[in-house]
Amino acid sequence: MPRVIFAGSGQKGTVRIGSTVLDAALSLQAPMEHVCGGSASCTTCRFEVVSGPENLSPPARAELALDLGPGLRLGCQTRILGDVTIRIVKFPGKTVL
């Protein structure tokens, strides 16, 4: 099972291969926003890849269309395939759901 580390928040643990980063954040109680509930329409589940980008699924069509910037992905669209370290991108003024 892949090991996931949320840099900056201290949460870490193992998840099933193929879990989304958002699902990992929820199960490990990492503070990842997810206003739209995982439909890639709000982009609040953004994260930065710190290490292990090769252990994540390729960018989904929704991510490519949004042009999030280098190293940024959406937690609801990205699947974990191996060990990875990520940093959650915070949105000021939002409440974690």
C-alpha atoms as a PDB file:
ATOM      1  CA  MET A   1       0.000   0.000   0.000  1.00  0.00           C
ATOM      2  CA  PRO A   2       1.355   3.434  -0.924  1.00  0.00           C
ATOM      3  CA  ARG A   3       2.503   5.818   1.778  1.00  0.00           C
ATOM      4  CA  VAL A   4       1.136   9.373   1.564  1.00  0.00           C
ATOM      5  CA  ILE A   5       2.658  12.321   3.417  1.00  0.00           C
ATOM      6  CA  PHE A   6       0.880  15.675   3.642  1.00  0.00           C
ATOM      7  CA  ALA A   7       3.783  18.101   4.034  1.00  0.00           C
ATOM      8  CA  GLY A   8       3.066  20.981   6.371  1.00  0.00           C
ATOM      9  CA  SER A   9       0.130  19.370   8.146  1.00  0.00           C
ATOM     10  CA  GLY A  10       1.886  16.323   9.572  1.00  0.00           C
ATOM     11  CA  GLN A  11      -0.715  13.788   8.446  1.00  0.00           C
ATOM     12  CA  LYS A  12       0.625  10.635   6.871  1.00  0.00           C
ATOM     13  CA  GLY A  13      -0.402   7.074   6.354  1.00  0.00           C
ATOM     14  CA  THR A  14      -1.029   4.342   3.839  1.00  0.00           C
ATOM     15  CA  VAL A  15      -3.887   4.134   1.351  1.00  0.00           C
ATOM     16  CA  ARG A  16      -5.100   1.675  -1.248  1.00  0.00           C
ATOM     17  CA  ILE A  17      -3.557   1.917  -4.704  1.00  0.00           C
ATOM     18  CA  GLY A  18      -5.924   3.915  -6.896  1.00  0.00           C
ATOM     19  CA  SER A  19      -7.352   6.056  -4.082  1.00  0.00           C
ATOM     20  CA  THR A  20      -7.737   9.705  -4.983  1.00  0.00           C
ATOM     21  CA  VAL A  21      -5.627  12.250  -3.145  1.00  0.00           C
ATOM     22  CA  LEU A  22      -8.884  13.749  -1.829  1.00  0.00           C
ATOM     23  CA  ASP A  23      -9.984  10.375  -0.438  1.00  0.00           C
ATOM     24  CA  ALA A  24      -6.542   9.990   1.169  1.00  0.00           C
ATOM     25  CA  ALA A  25      -6.824  13.444   2.733  1.00  0.00           C
ATOM     26  CA  LEU A  26     -10.259  12.665   4.135  1.00  0.00           C
ATOM     27  CA  SER A  27      -9.238   9.284   5.534  1.00  0.00           C
ATOM     28  CA  LEU A  28      -6.047  10.692   7.086  1.00  0.00           C
ATOM     29  CA  GLN A  29      -7.827  13.838   8.347  1.00  0.00           C
ATOM     30  CA  ALA A  30      -5.660  16.210   6.314  1.00  0.00           C
ATOM     31  CA  PRO A  31      -7.289  19.637   5.846  1.00  0.00           C
ATOM     32  CA  MET A  32      -8.026  19.527   2.098  1.00  0.00           C
ATOM     33  CA  GLU A  33     -10.858  21.717   0.821  1.00  0.00           C
ATOM     34  CA  HIS A  34     -13.498  20.070  -1.380  1.00  0.00           C
ATOM     35  CA  VAL A  35     -16.380  22.479  -1.868  1.00  0.00           C
ATOM     36  CA  CYS A  36     -17.875  20.712  -4.937  1.00  0.00           C
ATOM     37  CA  GLY A  37     -17.596  17.244  -3.416  1.00  0.00           C
ATOM     38  CA  GLY A  38     -15.074  15.947  -5.929  1.00  0.00           C
ATOM     39  CA  SER A  39     -16.510  16.896  -9.322  1.00  0.00           C
ATOM     40  CA  ALA A  40     -13.527  19.055 -10.401  1.00  0.00           C
ATOM     41  CA  SER A  41     -15.695  22.155 -10.688  1.00  0.00           C
ATOM     42  CA  CYS A  42     -14.419  24.273  -7.766  1.00  0.00           C
ATOM     43  CA  THR A  43     -10.640  23.535  -7.797  1.00  0.00           C
ATOM     44  CA  THR A  44     -10.431  23.910  -3.993  1.00  0.00           C
ATOM     45  CA  CYS A  45      -8.720  20.514  -3.618  1.00  0.00           C
ATOM     46  CA  ARG A  46      -5.544  21.783  -5.275  1.00  0.00           C
ATOM     47  CA  PHE A  47      -2.239  20.401  -4.118  1.00  0.00           C
ATOM     48  CA  GLU A  48       1.415  20.676  -5.020  1.00  0.00           C
ATOM     49  CA  VAL A  49       3.504  17.595  -5.689  1.00  0.00           C
ATOM     50  CA  VAL A  50       6.540  17.680  -3.381  1.00  0.00           C
ATOM     51  CA  SER A  51       7.944  14.257  -4.276  1.00  0.00           C
ATOM     52  CA  GLY A  52       6.843  11.193  -6.173  1.00  0.00           C
ATOM     53  CA  PRO A  53       5.025  12.729  -9.169  1.00  0.00           C
ATOM     54  CA  GLU A  54       5.660   9.489 -11.061  1.00  0.00           C
ATOM     55  CA  ASN A  55       3.511   7.722  -8.437  1.00  0.00           C
ATOM     56  CA  LEU A  56       0.391   9.682  -9.372  1.00  0.00           C
ATOM     57  CA  SER A  57      -2.007   9.106 -12.246  1.00  0.00           C
ATOM     58  CA  PRO A  58      -1.481  11.303 -15.315  1.00  0.00           C
ATOM     59  CA  PRO A  59      -3.384  14.612 -15.279  1.00  0.00           C
ATOM     60  CA  ALA A  60      -7.086  14.093 -15.971  1.00  0.00           C
ATOM     61  CA  ARG A  61      -8.826  15.928 -18.798  1.00  0.00           C
ATOM     62  CA  ALA A  62     -10.459  18.285 -16.256  1.00  0.00           C
ATOM     63  CA  GLU A  63      -7.063  19.195 -14.798  1.00  0.00           C
ATOM     64  CA  LEU A  64      -5.565  19.888 -18.215  1.00  0.00           C
ATOM     65  CA  ALA A  65      -8.515  22.085 -19.181  1.00  0.00           C
ATOM     66  CA  LEU A  66      -8.084  24.175 -16.017  1.00  0.00           C
ATOM     67  CA  ASP A  67      -4.341  24.780 -16.584  1.00  0.00           C
ATOM     68  CA  LEU A  68      -3.573  24.812 -12.847  1.00  0.00           C
ATOM     69  CA  GLY A  69       0.123  25.554 -13.276  1.00  0.00           C
ATOM     70  CA  PRO A  70       3.336  23.560 -12.910  1.00  0.00           C
ATOM     71  CA  GLY A  71       3.291  20.971 -10.149  1.00  0.00           C
ATOM     72  CA  LEU A  72      -0.350  21.631  -9.182  1.00  0.00           C
ATOM     73  CA  ARG A  73      -3.020  18.943  -9.352  1.00  0.00           C
ATOM     74  CA  LEU A  74      -6.592  18.379  -8.171  1.00  0.00           C
ATOM     75  CA  GLY A  75      -7.054  15.957  -5.299  1.00  0.00           C
ATOM     76  CA  CYS A  76     -10.398  14.739  -6.609  1.00  0.00           C
ATOM     77  CA  GLN A  77      -8.942  13.794  -9.997  1.00  0.00           C
ATOM     78  CA  THR A  78      -5.520  12.421  -9.051  1.00  0.00           C
ATOM     79  CA  ARG A  79      -5.069   8.770  -8.123  1.00  0.00           C
ATOM     80  CA  ILE A  80      -2.249   7.480  -5.938  1.00  0.00           C
ATOM     81  CA  LEU A  81      -0.179   4.675  -7.455  1.00  0.00           C
ATOM     82  CA  GLY A  82       2.828   4.707  -5.095  1.00  0.00           C
ATOM     83  CA  ASP A  83       4.555   6.670  -2.331  1.00  0.00           C
ATOM     84  CA  VAL A  84       4.019  10.427  -2.598  1.00  0.00           C
ATOM     85  CA  THR A  85       4.494  13.627  -0.625  1.00  0.00           C
ATOM     86  CA  ILE A  86       2.125  16.508  -1.309  1.00  0.00           C
ATOM     87  CA  ARG A  87       1.422  19.969   0.045  1.00  0.00           C
ATOM     88  CA  ILE A  88      -2.173  21.165   0.185  1.00  0.00           C
ATOM     89  CA  VAL A  89      -2.733  24.577  -1.405  1.00  0.00           C
ATOM     90  CA  LYS A  90      -4.904  26.685   0.914  1.00  0.00           C
ATOM     91  CA  PHE A  91      -7.603  29.041  -0.257  1.00  0.00           C
ATOM     92  CA  PRO A  92      -7.972  32.051   2.086  1.00  0.00           C
ATOM     93  CA  GLY A  93     -11.421  32.561   3.558  1.00  0.00           C
ATOM     94  CA  LYS A  94     -12.722  29.055   2.748  1.00  0.00           C
ATOM     95  CA  THR A  95     -13.975  26.508   5.230  1.00  0.00           C
ATOM     96  CA  VAL A  96     -12.838  22.896   5.010  1.00  0.00           C
ATOM     97  CA  LEU A  97     -15.805  20.634   4.380  1.00  0.00           C
END
